[in-house]
């Protein structure tokens, strides 16, 4: 009887392990096409690839202010329809944390490192982010939006880093 109970207990753990690996799997992908907002000429593409407990975020962006940093975040709504992208809502924050710098203490799940443009206003972006998933679950980014701001994120002002107007927005699909 003891052996049967042990087997039943082990069988109950296997499905839970499967759920965990599907949420933080590897290889799931999503992307967003950035469209100009707030009178800017900013546009580009952003790709998201799940790598275990992290997401690799890459992008190619043009039309930025030359030699500048720009705030970059996942926002809570997948709606870029407003001319100033306010329809995208606030930063994606399923755990109700304070805004901050990724990889350095508490921060919103949607907080990402700033984008740095070159002298021509172009940027090639790459960052590994934790706390997100490439799906539509609680921490999932699919169906959300990604937004570029005019100014750099200061990583401390609440609730959004004082990064100014939204100059580009794209739906994550």
N, C-alpha and C. Protein backbone atom coordinates (compact mmCIF):
# COMPACT_ATOMS: atom_id res chain seq x y z
N UNK A 1 0.83 -1.20 0.00
CA UNK A 1 0.00 0.00 0.00
C UNK A 1 0.87 1.25 0.00
N UNK A 2 1.99 1.22 0.75
CA UNK A 2 2.88 2.36 0.82
C UNK A 2 3.47 2.66 -0.56
N UNK A 3 3.80 1.61 -1.32
CA UNK A 3 4.37 1.79 -2.65
C UNK A 3 3.36 2.42 -3.60
N UNK A 4 2.10 2.04 -3.53
CA UNK A 4 1.05 2.61 -4.38
C UNK A 4 0.88 4.10 -4.06
N UNK A 5 0.89 4.48 -2.77
CA UNK A 5 0.76 5.88 -2.39
C UNK A 5 1.93 6.70 -2.94
N UNK A 6 3.13 6.13 -2.87
CA UNK A 6 4.30 6.82 -3.40
C UNK A 6 4.18 7.02 -4.90
N UNK A 7 3.73 6.02 -5.62
CA UNK A 7 3.56 6.13 -7.07
C UNK A 7 2.49 7.16 -7.43
N UNK A 8 1.40 7.17 -6.68
CA UNK A 8 0.34 8.15 -6.93
C UNK A 8 0.87 9.56 -6.68
N UNK A 9 1.62 9.75 -5.60
CA UNK A 9 2.21 11.05 -5.30
C UNK A 9 3.17 11.50 -6.39
N UNK A 10 4.01 10.59 -6.89
CA UNK A 10 4.94 10.92 -7.97
C UNK A 10 4.19 11.27 -9.24
N UNK A 11 3.14 10.54 -9.55
CA UNK A 11 2.35 10.80 -10.75
C UNK A 11 1.69 12.18 -10.68
N UNK A 12 1.37 12.65 -9.49
CA UNK A 12 0.75 13.98 -9.34
C UNK A 12 1.77 15.09 -9.59
N UNK A 13 3.05 14.84 -9.35
CA UNK A 13 4.10 15.86 -9.54
C UNK A 13 4.43 16.05 -11.01
N UNK A 14 4.40 15.00 -11.81
CA UNK A 14 4.79 15.08 -13.22
C UNK A 14 4.00 16.15 -13.99
N UNK A 15 2.66 16.21 -13.90
CA UNK A 15 1.96 17.26 -14.64
C UNK A 15 2.36 18.67 -14.19
N UNK A 16 2.65 18.88 -12.89
CA UNK A 16 3.06 20.20 -12.42
C UNK A 16 4.40 20.60 -13.02
N UNK A 17 5.32 19.67 -13.13
CA UNK A 17 6.61 19.96 -13.74
C UNK A 17 6.42 20.33 -15.20
N UNK A 18 5.50 19.67 -15.87
CA UNK A 18 5.22 19.97 -17.28
C UNK A 18 4.68 21.38 -17.46
N UNK A 19 3.80 21.82 -16.56
CA UNK A 19 3.24 23.18 -16.64
C UNK A 19 4.34 24.21 -16.46
N UNK A 20 5.24 23.97 -15.53
CA UNK A 20 6.32 24.91 -15.28
C UNK A 20 7.20 25.06 -16.51
N UNK A 21 7.55 23.95 -17.15
CA UNK A 21 8.44 24.03 -18.29
C UNK A 21 7.77 24.67 -19.50
N UNK A 22 6.45 24.56 -19.63
CA UNK A 22 5.78 25.20 -20.76
C UNK A 22 5.78 26.71 -20.57
N UNK A 23 5.63 27.20 -19.33
CA UNK A 23 5.61 28.65 -19.09
C UNK A 23 6.99 29.25 -19.31
N UNK A 24 8.02 28.59 -18.84
CA UNK A 24 9.38 29.08 -18.99
C UNK A 24 10.15 28.17 -19.93
N UNK A 25 9.62 27.94 -21.10
CA UNK A 25 10.28 27.09 -22.07
C UNK A 25 11.29 27.86 -22.88
N UNK A 26 11.82 27.19 -23.85
CA UNK A 26 12.77 27.84 -24.75
C UNK A 26 12.23 27.76 -26.17
N UNK A 27 12.50 28.81 -26.92
CA UNK A 27 12.16 28.79 -28.33
C UNK A 27 10.89 29.51 -28.72
N UNK A 28 9.97 29.79 -27.77
CA UNK A 28 8.77 30.52 -28.14
C UNK A 28 9.18 31.91 -28.62
N UNK A 29 8.52 32.40 -29.66
CA UNK A 29 8.87 33.70 -30.22
C UNK A 29 7.65 34.59 -30.37
N UNK A 30 7.90 35.88 -30.35
CA UNK A 30 6.88 36.89 -30.64
C UNK A 30 7.62 38.08 -31.24
N UNK A 31 6.87 38.97 -31.88
CA UNK A 31 7.50 40.16 -32.45
C UNK A 31 6.50 41.31 -32.45
N UNK A 32 7.04 42.50 -32.66
CA UNK A 32 6.22 43.70 -32.75
C UNK A 32 6.81 44.60 -33.82
N UNK A 33 5.95 45.20 -34.62
CA UNK A 33 6.35 46.21 -35.59
C UNK A 33 6.04 47.56 -34.98
N UNK A 34 7.07 48.36 -34.78
CA UNK A 34 6.91 49.67 -34.16
C UNK A 34 6.45 50.69 -35.18
N UNK A 35 5.43 51.45 -34.79
CA UNK A 35 4.90 52.52 -35.61
C UNK A 35 5.09 53.85 -34.89
N UNK A 36 5.35 54.90 -35.66
CA UNK A 36 5.58 56.23 -35.10
C UNK A 36 4.37 56.74 -34.35
N UNK A 37 4.62 57.47 -33.27
CA UNK A 37 3.58 58.12 -32.48
C UNK A 37 4.10 59.49 -32.03
N UNK A 38 3.19 60.34 -31.59
CA UNK A 38 3.51 61.67 -31.05
C UNK A 38 4.33 62.52 -32.02
N UNK A 39 4.07 62.37 -33.32
CA UNK A 39 4.74 63.19 -34.33
C UNK A 39 6.16 62.79 -34.64
N UNK A 40 6.62 61.64 -34.17
CA UNK A 40 8.00 61.21 -34.42
C UNK A 40 8.09 60.47 -35.76
N UNK A 41 9.30 60.12 -36.15
CA UNK A 41 9.55 59.29 -37.32
C UNK A 41 10.11 57.93 -36.91
N UNK A 42 9.98 57.60 -35.63
CA UNK A 42 10.55 56.37 -35.10
C UNK A 42 9.77 55.16 -35.58
N UNK A 43 10.50 54.14 -36.04
CA UNK A 43 9.88 52.88 -36.46
C UNK A 43 10.90 51.76 -36.31
N UNK A 44 10.44 50.53 -36.42
CA UNK A 44 11.35 49.41 -36.32
C UNK A 44 10.66 48.11 -35.99
N UNK A 45 11.44 47.12 -35.64
CA UNK A 45 10.91 45.82 -35.25
C UNK A 45 11.59 45.38 -33.96
N UNK A 46 10.84 44.65 -33.15
CA UNK A 46 11.35 44.09 -31.89
C UNK A 46 10.97 42.62 -31.87
N UNK A 47 11.92 41.78 -31.52
CA UNK A 47 11.68 40.33 -31.43
C UNK A 47 11.93 39.85 -30.01
N UNK A 48 11.15 38.86 -29.61
CA UNK A 48 11.23 38.27 -28.28
C UNK A 48 11.40 36.76 -28.44
N UNK A 49 12.42 36.19 -27.80
CA UNK A 49 12.66 34.75 -27.86
C UNK A 49 12.83 34.24 -26.45
N UNK A 50 12.02 33.25 -26.08
CA UNK A 50 12.10 32.65 -24.76
C UNK A 50 13.34 31.79 -24.66
N UNK A 51 14.10 31.99 -23.57
CA UNK A 51 15.30 31.22 -23.29
C UNK A 51 15.28 30.79 -21.82
N UNK A 52 14.52 29.74 -21.53
CA UNK A 52 14.39 29.30 -20.14
C UNK A 52 13.66 30.33 -19.32
N UNK A 53 14.28 30.84 -18.25
CA UNK A 53 13.65 31.83 -17.36
C UNK A 53 13.88 33.26 -17.84
N UNK A 54 14.41 33.43 -19.02
CA UNK A 54 14.69 34.75 -19.57
C UNK A 54 14.07 34.90 -20.95
N UNK A 55 13.97 36.13 -21.39
CA UNK A 55 13.57 36.42 -22.76
C UNK A 55 14.69 37.26 -23.38
N UNK A 56 15.12 36.87 -24.57
CA UNK A 56 16.06 37.68 -25.32
C UNK A 56 15.23 38.65 -26.15
N UNK A 57 15.46 39.95 -25.93
CA UNK A 57 14.76 41.00 -26.66
C UNK A 57 15.76 41.63 -27.62
N UNK A 58 15.45 41.61 -28.91
CA UNK A 58 16.31 42.23 -29.91
C UNK A 58 15.48 43.18 -30.76
N UNK A 59 16.13 44.19 -31.31
CA UNK A 59 15.39 45.12 -32.14
C UNK A 59 16.28 45.94 -33.05
N UNK A 60 15.67 46.44 -34.10
CA UNK A 60 16.29 47.38 -35.02
C UNK A 60 15.34 48.56 -35.13
N UNK A 61 15.83 49.74 -34.74
CA UNK A 61 14.97 50.91 -34.65
C UNK A 61 15.64 52.06 -35.40
N UNK A 62 14.84 52.87 -36.07
CA UNK A 62 15.35 54.06 -36.75
C UNK A 62 14.47 55.25 -36.39
N UNK A 63 14.96 56.46 -36.70
CA UNK A 63 14.19 57.67 -36.44
C UNK A 63 14.24 58.15 -35.01
N UNK A 64 15.23 57.68 -34.26
CA UNK A 64 15.41 58.14 -32.88
C UNK A 64 16.23 59.43 -32.87
N UNK A 65 16.23 60.13 -31.75
CA UNK A 65 17.10 61.29 -31.58
C UNK A 65 18.53 60.77 -31.59
N UNK A 66 19.43 61.35 -32.41
CA UNK A 66 20.82 60.86 -32.50
C UNK A 66 21.57 60.93 -31.17
N UNK A 67 22.41 59.92 -30.97
CA UNK A 67 23.27 59.84 -29.78
C UNK A 67 22.50 60.07 -28.48
N UNK A 68 21.39 59.39 -28.36
CA UNK A 68 20.53 59.59 -27.19
C UNK A 68 20.06 58.24 -26.63
N UNK A 69 19.57 58.30 -25.40
CA UNK A 69 18.93 57.14 -24.78
C UNK A 69 17.44 57.37 -24.75
N UNK A 70 16.70 56.28 -24.87
CA UNK A 70 15.24 56.33 -24.90
C UNK A 70 14.68 55.24 -24.00
N UNK A 71 13.67 55.58 -23.19
CA UNK A 71 12.98 54.59 -22.38
C UNK A 71 12.31 53.55 -23.26
N UNK A 72 12.25 52.32 -22.78
CA UNK A 72 11.74 51.19 -23.57
C UNK A 72 11.04 50.24 -22.62
N UNK A 73 9.75 49.98 -22.86
CA UNK A 73 8.96 49.18 -21.92
C UNK A 73 7.92 48.32 -22.63
N UNK A 74 7.54 47.23 -21.96
CA UNK A 74 6.34 46.49 -22.34
C UNK A 74 5.19 47.16 -21.59
N UNK A 75 4.12 47.51 -22.29
CA UNK A 75 2.96 48.15 -21.68
C UNK A 75 1.80 47.17 -21.59
N UNK A 76 0.87 47.46 -20.68
CA UNK A 76 -0.16 46.51 -20.27
C UNK A 76 -1.23 46.21 -21.32
N UNK A 77 -1.46 47.10 -22.25
CA UNK A 77 -2.53 46.89 -23.24
C UNK A 77 -1.94 46.77 -24.64
N UNK A 78 -2.51 45.89 -25.41
CA UNK A 78 -2.09 45.72 -26.80
C UNK A 78 -2.87 46.66 -27.71
N UNK A 79 -2.77 47.94 -27.44
CA UNK A 79 -3.53 48.94 -28.19
C UNK A 79 -2.64 50.16 -28.45
N UNK A 80 -2.26 50.33 -29.68
CA UNK A 80 -1.41 51.47 -30.08
C UNK A 80 -2.19 52.48 -30.90
N UNK A 81 -3.51 52.47 -30.80
CA UNK A 81 -4.35 53.28 -31.69
C UNK A 81 -4.31 54.78 -31.42
N UNK A 82 -4.03 55.21 -30.21
CA UNK A 82 -4.01 56.65 -29.90
C UNK A 82 -2.80 57.32 -30.57
N UNK A 83 -2.95 58.53 -31.08
CA UNK A 83 -1.83 59.22 -31.72
C UNK A 83 -0.60 59.38 -30.83
N UNK A 84 -0.81 59.38 -29.50
CA UNK A 84 0.31 59.49 -28.56
C UNK A 84 0.58 58.18 -27.83
N UNK A 85 -0.06 57.10 -28.27
CA UNK A 85 0.11 55.74 -27.73
C UNK A 85 -0.33 55.60 -26.27
N UNK A 86 -1.09 56.54 -25.74
CA UNK A 86 -1.57 56.38 -24.37
C UNK A 86 -2.57 55.23 -24.25
N UNK A 87 -3.11 54.79 -25.39
CA UNK A 87 -4.03 53.65 -25.40
C UNK A 87 -3.33 52.36 -24.97
N UNK A 88 -2.00 52.34 -24.94
CA UNK A 88 -1.25 51.16 -24.51
C UNK A 88 -1.25 51.00 -22.99
N UNK A 89 -1.78 51.98 -22.26
CA UNK A 89 -1.84 51.90 -20.80
C UNK A 89 -0.48 52.09 -20.16
N UNK A 90 -0.37 51.68 -18.91
CA UNK A 90 0.88 51.82 -18.15
C UNK A 90 1.81 50.65 -18.41
N UNK A 91 2.92 50.64 -17.70
CA UNK A 91 3.88 49.55 -17.83
C UNK A 91 3.23 48.24 -17.41
N UNK A 92 3.57 47.17 -18.09
CA UNK A 92 3.10 45.84 -17.74
C UNK A 92 3.67 45.49 -16.37
N UNK A 93 2.78 45.22 -15.41
CA UNK A 93 3.20 45.06 -14.02
C UNK A 93 2.29 44.07 -13.30
N UNK A 94 2.29 42.79 -13.71
CA UNK A 94 1.36 41.83 -13.11
C UNK A 94 1.59 41.55 -11.63
N UNK A 95 2.77 41.86 -11.11
CA UNK A 95 3.08 41.58 -9.70
C UNK A 95 2.98 42.82 -8.81
N UNK A 96 2.58 43.96 -9.37
CA UNK A 96 2.39 45.17 -8.58
C UNK A 96 3.66 45.72 -7.94
N UNK A 97 4.78 45.61 -8.62
CA UNK A 97 6.05 46.10 -8.07
C UNK A 97 6.29 47.56 -8.45
N UNK A 98 7.22 48.19 -7.75
CA UNK A 98 7.62 49.56 -8.07
C UNK A 98 8.45 49.55 -9.35
N UNK A 99 8.47 50.70 -10.04
CA UNK A 99 9.29 50.84 -11.24
C UNK A 99 10.76 50.83 -10.85
N UNK A 100 11.60 50.27 -11.70
CA UNK A 100 13.03 50.24 -11.41
C UNK A 100 13.84 49.71 -12.56
N UNK A 101 15.10 49.47 -12.29
CA UNK A 101 16.03 49.01 -13.32
C UNK A 101 16.05 47.49 -13.37
N UNK A 102 15.84 46.92 -14.56
CA UNK A 102 15.90 45.47 -14.69
C UNK A 102 17.26 44.93 -14.24
N UNK A 103 17.23 43.82 -13.52
CA UNK A 103 18.46 43.20 -13.06
C UNK A 103 19.06 43.86 -11.84
N UNK A 104 18.35 44.84 -11.27
CA UNK A 104 18.90 45.56 -10.12
C UNK A 104 17.78 45.87 -9.14
N UNK A 105 17.36 44.87 -8.39
CA UNK A 105 16.30 45.07 -7.41
C UNK A 105 14.91 44.97 -8.01
N UNK A 106 13.94 45.46 -7.26
CA UNK A 106 12.54 45.38 -7.65
C UNK A 106 12.25 46.27 -8.86
N UNK A 107 11.41 45.76 -9.77
CA UNK A 107 11.01 46.53 -10.94
C UNK A 107 9.77 45.90 -11.57
N UNK A 108 9.06 46.68 -12.37
CA UNK A 108 7.93 46.15 -13.13
C UNK A 108 8.44 45.07 -14.08
N UNK A 109 7.62 44.10 -14.38
CA UNK A 109 8.00 43.10 -15.36
C UNK A 109 8.26 43.74 -16.72
N UNK A 110 7.55 44.82 -17.04
CA UNK A 110 7.69 45.49 -18.32
C UNK A 110 8.86 46.45 -18.44
N UNK A 111 9.62 46.65 -17.37
CA UNK A 111 10.78 47.53 -17.42
C UNK A 111 11.91 46.87 -18.21
N UNK A 112 12.50 47.60 -19.13
CA UNK A 112 13.64 47.10 -19.91
C UNK A 112 14.73 48.17 -19.95
N UNK A 113 15.97 47.78 -20.22
CA UNK A 113 17.04 48.78 -20.34
C UNK A 113 16.75 49.77 -21.47
N UNK A 114 17.27 50.98 -21.31
CA UNK A 114 17.10 52.02 -22.33
C UNK A 114 17.70 51.59 -23.67
N UNK A 115 17.16 52.17 -24.73
CA UNK A 115 17.72 52.02 -26.08
C UNK A 115 18.73 53.15 -26.26
N UNK A 116 19.87 52.85 -26.87
CA UNK A 116 20.89 53.87 -27.14
C UNK A 116 21.06 53.99 -28.65
N UNK A 117 20.81 55.19 -29.17
CA UNK A 117 20.90 55.41 -30.62
C UNK A 117 22.30 55.87 -31.01
N UNK A 118 22.64 55.65 -32.28
CA UNK A 118 23.91 56.12 -32.80
C UNK A 118 23.76 57.54 -33.36
N UNK A 119 24.79 58.05 -34.00
CA UNK A 119 24.79 59.40 -34.53
C UNK A 119 23.77 59.66 -35.62
N UNK A 120 23.23 58.58 -36.21
CA UNK A 120 22.22 58.71 -37.25
C UNK A 120 20.81 58.47 -36.72
N UNK A 121 20.67 58.24 -35.42
CA UNK A 121 19.36 57.98 -34.84
C UNK A 121 18.88 56.56 -35.00
N UNK A 122 19.81 55.64 -35.27
CA UNK A 122 19.47 54.22 -35.40
C UNK A 122 19.96 53.46 -34.18
N UNK A 123 19.31 52.35 -33.89
CA UNK A 123 19.73 51.53 -32.76
C UNK A 123 19.54 50.05 -33.08
N UNK A 124 20.51 49.27 -32.64
CA UNK A 124 20.39 47.82 -32.63
C UNK A 124 20.34 47.46 -31.16
N UNK A 125 19.26 46.81 -30.75
CA UNK A 125 19.01 46.57 -29.33
C UNK A 125 19.12 45.09 -29.03
N UNK A 126 19.67 44.77 -27.85
CA UNK A 126 19.70 43.39 -27.38
C UNK A 126 19.77 43.41 -25.86
N UNK A 127 18.86 42.69 -25.21
CA UNK A 127 18.86 42.59 -23.75
C UNK A 127 18.20 41.28 -23.33
N UNK A 128 18.66 40.71 -22.23
CA UNK A 128 18.03 39.54 -21.62
C UNK A 128 17.20 40.03 -20.45
N UNK A 129 15.92 39.69 -20.47
CA UNK A 129 14.97 40.15 -19.46
C UNK A 129 14.42 38.94 -18.70
N UNK A 130 14.25 39.08 -17.40
CA UNK A 130 13.61 38.02 -16.62
C UNK A 130 12.25 38.51 -16.12
N UNK A 131 11.41 37.56 -15.71
CA UNK A 131 10.10 37.90 -15.16
C UNK A 131 8.99 37.97 -16.19
N UNK A 132 9.31 37.68 -17.45
CA UNK A 132 8.31 37.68 -18.52
C UNK A 132 8.29 36.33 -19.20
N UNK A 133 7.21 36.07 -19.93
CA UNK A 133 7.09 34.84 -20.71
C UNK A 133 6.54 35.19 -22.08
N UNK A 134 6.90 34.39 -23.08
CA UNK A 134 6.40 34.60 -24.44
C UNK A 134 5.15 33.73 -24.59
N UNK A 135 4.07 34.19 -23.96
CA UNK A 135 2.77 33.54 -24.05
C UNK A 135 1.72 34.56 -23.61
N UNK A 136 0.49 34.11 -23.39
CA UNK A 136 -0.58 35.01 -22.97
C UNK A 136 -0.96 34.79 -21.51
N UNK A 137 -0.09 34.15 -20.72
CA UNK A 137 -0.35 33.90 -19.31
C UNK A 137 -0.16 35.14 -18.45
N UNK A 138 -0.15 34.93 -17.13
CA UNK A 138 -0.05 36.04 -16.18
C UNK A 138 1.15 36.95 -16.47
N UNK A 139 2.31 36.39 -16.74
CA UNK A 139 3.51 37.16 -17.03
C UNK A 139 3.80 37.23 -18.52
N UNK A 140 2.83 36.82 -19.32
CA UNK A 140 3.01 36.76 -20.77
C UNK A 140 2.90 38.11 -21.46
N UNK A 141 3.71 38.29 -22.50
CA UNK A 141 3.75 39.55 -23.23
C UNK A 141 2.92 39.53 -24.52
N UNK A 142 2.50 38.35 -24.95
CA UNK A 142 1.71 38.26 -26.19
C UNK A 142 0.37 38.96 -25.96
N UNK A 143 0.04 39.88 -26.86
CA UNK A 143 -1.18 40.68 -26.72
C UNK A 143 -0.96 41.99 -25.99
N UNK A 144 0.27 42.24 -25.52
CA UNK A 144 0.63 43.51 -24.89
C UNK A 144 1.26 44.40 -25.97
N UNK A 145 1.79 45.55 -25.58
CA UNK A 145 2.48 46.41 -26.54
C UNK A 145 3.87 46.73 -26.03
N UNK A 146 4.73 47.14 -26.94
CA UNK A 146 6.06 47.60 -26.60
C UNK A 146 6.14 49.06 -27.04
N UNK A 147 6.70 49.91 -26.17
CA UNK A 147 6.69 51.35 -26.39
C UNK A 147 8.10 51.93 -26.22
N UNK A 148 8.45 52.85 -27.12
CA UNK A 148 9.68 53.62 -26.99
C UNK A 148 9.29 55.04 -26.60
N UNK A 149 10.02 55.60 -25.64
CA UNK A 149 9.77 56.95 -25.15
C UNK A 149 10.84 57.92 -25.66
N UNK A 150 10.52 59.19 -25.68
CA UNK A 150 11.42 60.23 -26.18
C UNK A 150 12.68 60.38 -25.34
N UNK A 151 12.55 60.24 -24.03
CA UNK A 151 13.64 60.51 -23.10
C UNK A 151 14.12 59.22 -22.44
N UNK A 152 15.30 59.25 -21.81
CA UNK A 152 15.76 58.06 -21.11
C UNK A 152 14.94 57.78 -19.85
N UNK A 153 14.81 56.53 -19.52
CA UNK A 153 14.19 56.12 -18.25
C UNK A 153 15.22 56.36 -17.16
N UNK A 154 14.81 57.03 -16.08
CA UNK A 154 15.74 57.27 -14.97
C UNK A 154 15.74 56.11 -13.97
N UNK A 155 14.88 55.13 -14.17
CA UNK A 155 14.77 53.92 -13.36
C UNK A 155 14.39 54.15 -11.90
N UNK A 156 13.98 55.36 -11.56
CA UNK A 156 13.60 55.59 -10.16
C UNK A 156 12.29 56.36 -10.02
N UNK A 157 11.98 57.31 -10.89
CA UNK A 157 10.72 58.06 -10.77
C UNK A 157 9.55 57.11 -10.91
N UNK A 158 8.55 57.29 -10.07
CA UNK A 158 7.36 56.43 -10.07
C UNK A 158 6.20 57.15 -10.73
N UNK A 159 5.38 56.46 -11.50
CA UNK A 159 5.42 55.02 -11.70
C UNK A 159 6.12 54.57 -12.97
N UNK A 160 6.72 55.50 -13.75
CA UNK A 160 7.17 55.08 -15.08
C UNK A 160 8.55 55.58 -15.50
N UNK A 161 9.36 56.13 -14.63
CA UNK A 161 10.72 56.47 -14.98
C UNK A 161 10.94 57.81 -15.65
N UNK A 162 9.89 58.65 -15.71
CA UNK A 162 10.03 60.00 -16.25
C UNK A 162 10.65 60.01 -17.64
N UNK A 163 10.21 59.10 -18.50
CA UNK A 163 10.82 58.96 -19.83
C UNK A 163 10.09 59.70 -20.94
N UNK A 164 9.15 60.55 -20.59
CA UNK A 164 8.55 61.44 -21.58
C UNK A 164 7.54 60.80 -22.51
N UNK A 165 7.19 61.55 -23.57
CA UNK A 165 6.16 61.09 -24.51
C UNK A 165 6.53 59.76 -25.18
N UNK A 166 5.51 59.07 -25.64
CA UNK A 166 5.67 57.79 -26.32
C UNK A 166 5.84 58.06 -27.81
N UNK A 167 7.00 57.71 -28.36
CA UNK A 167 7.29 58.06 -29.76
C UNK A 167 7.14 56.89 -30.73
N UNK A 168 6.97 55.68 -30.21
CA UNK A 168 6.72 54.52 -31.08
C UNK A 168 6.00 53.46 -30.25
N UNK A 169 5.17 52.67 -30.94
CA UNK A 169 4.38 51.63 -30.26
C UNK A 169 4.14 50.49 -31.22
N UNK A 170 4.17 49.27 -30.70
CA UNK A 170 3.89 48.09 -31.51
C UNK A 170 3.20 47.01 -30.70
N UNK A 171 2.26 46.32 -31.32
CA UNK A 171 1.55 45.20 -30.70
C UNK A 171 2.42 43.95 -30.74
N UNK A 172 2.56 43.29 -29.61
CA UNK A 172 3.36 42.06 -29.53
C UNK A 172 2.48 40.88 -29.93
N UNK A 173 2.89 40.21 -31.02
CA UNK A 173 2.14 39.07 -31.55
C UNK A 173 3.03 37.85 -31.64
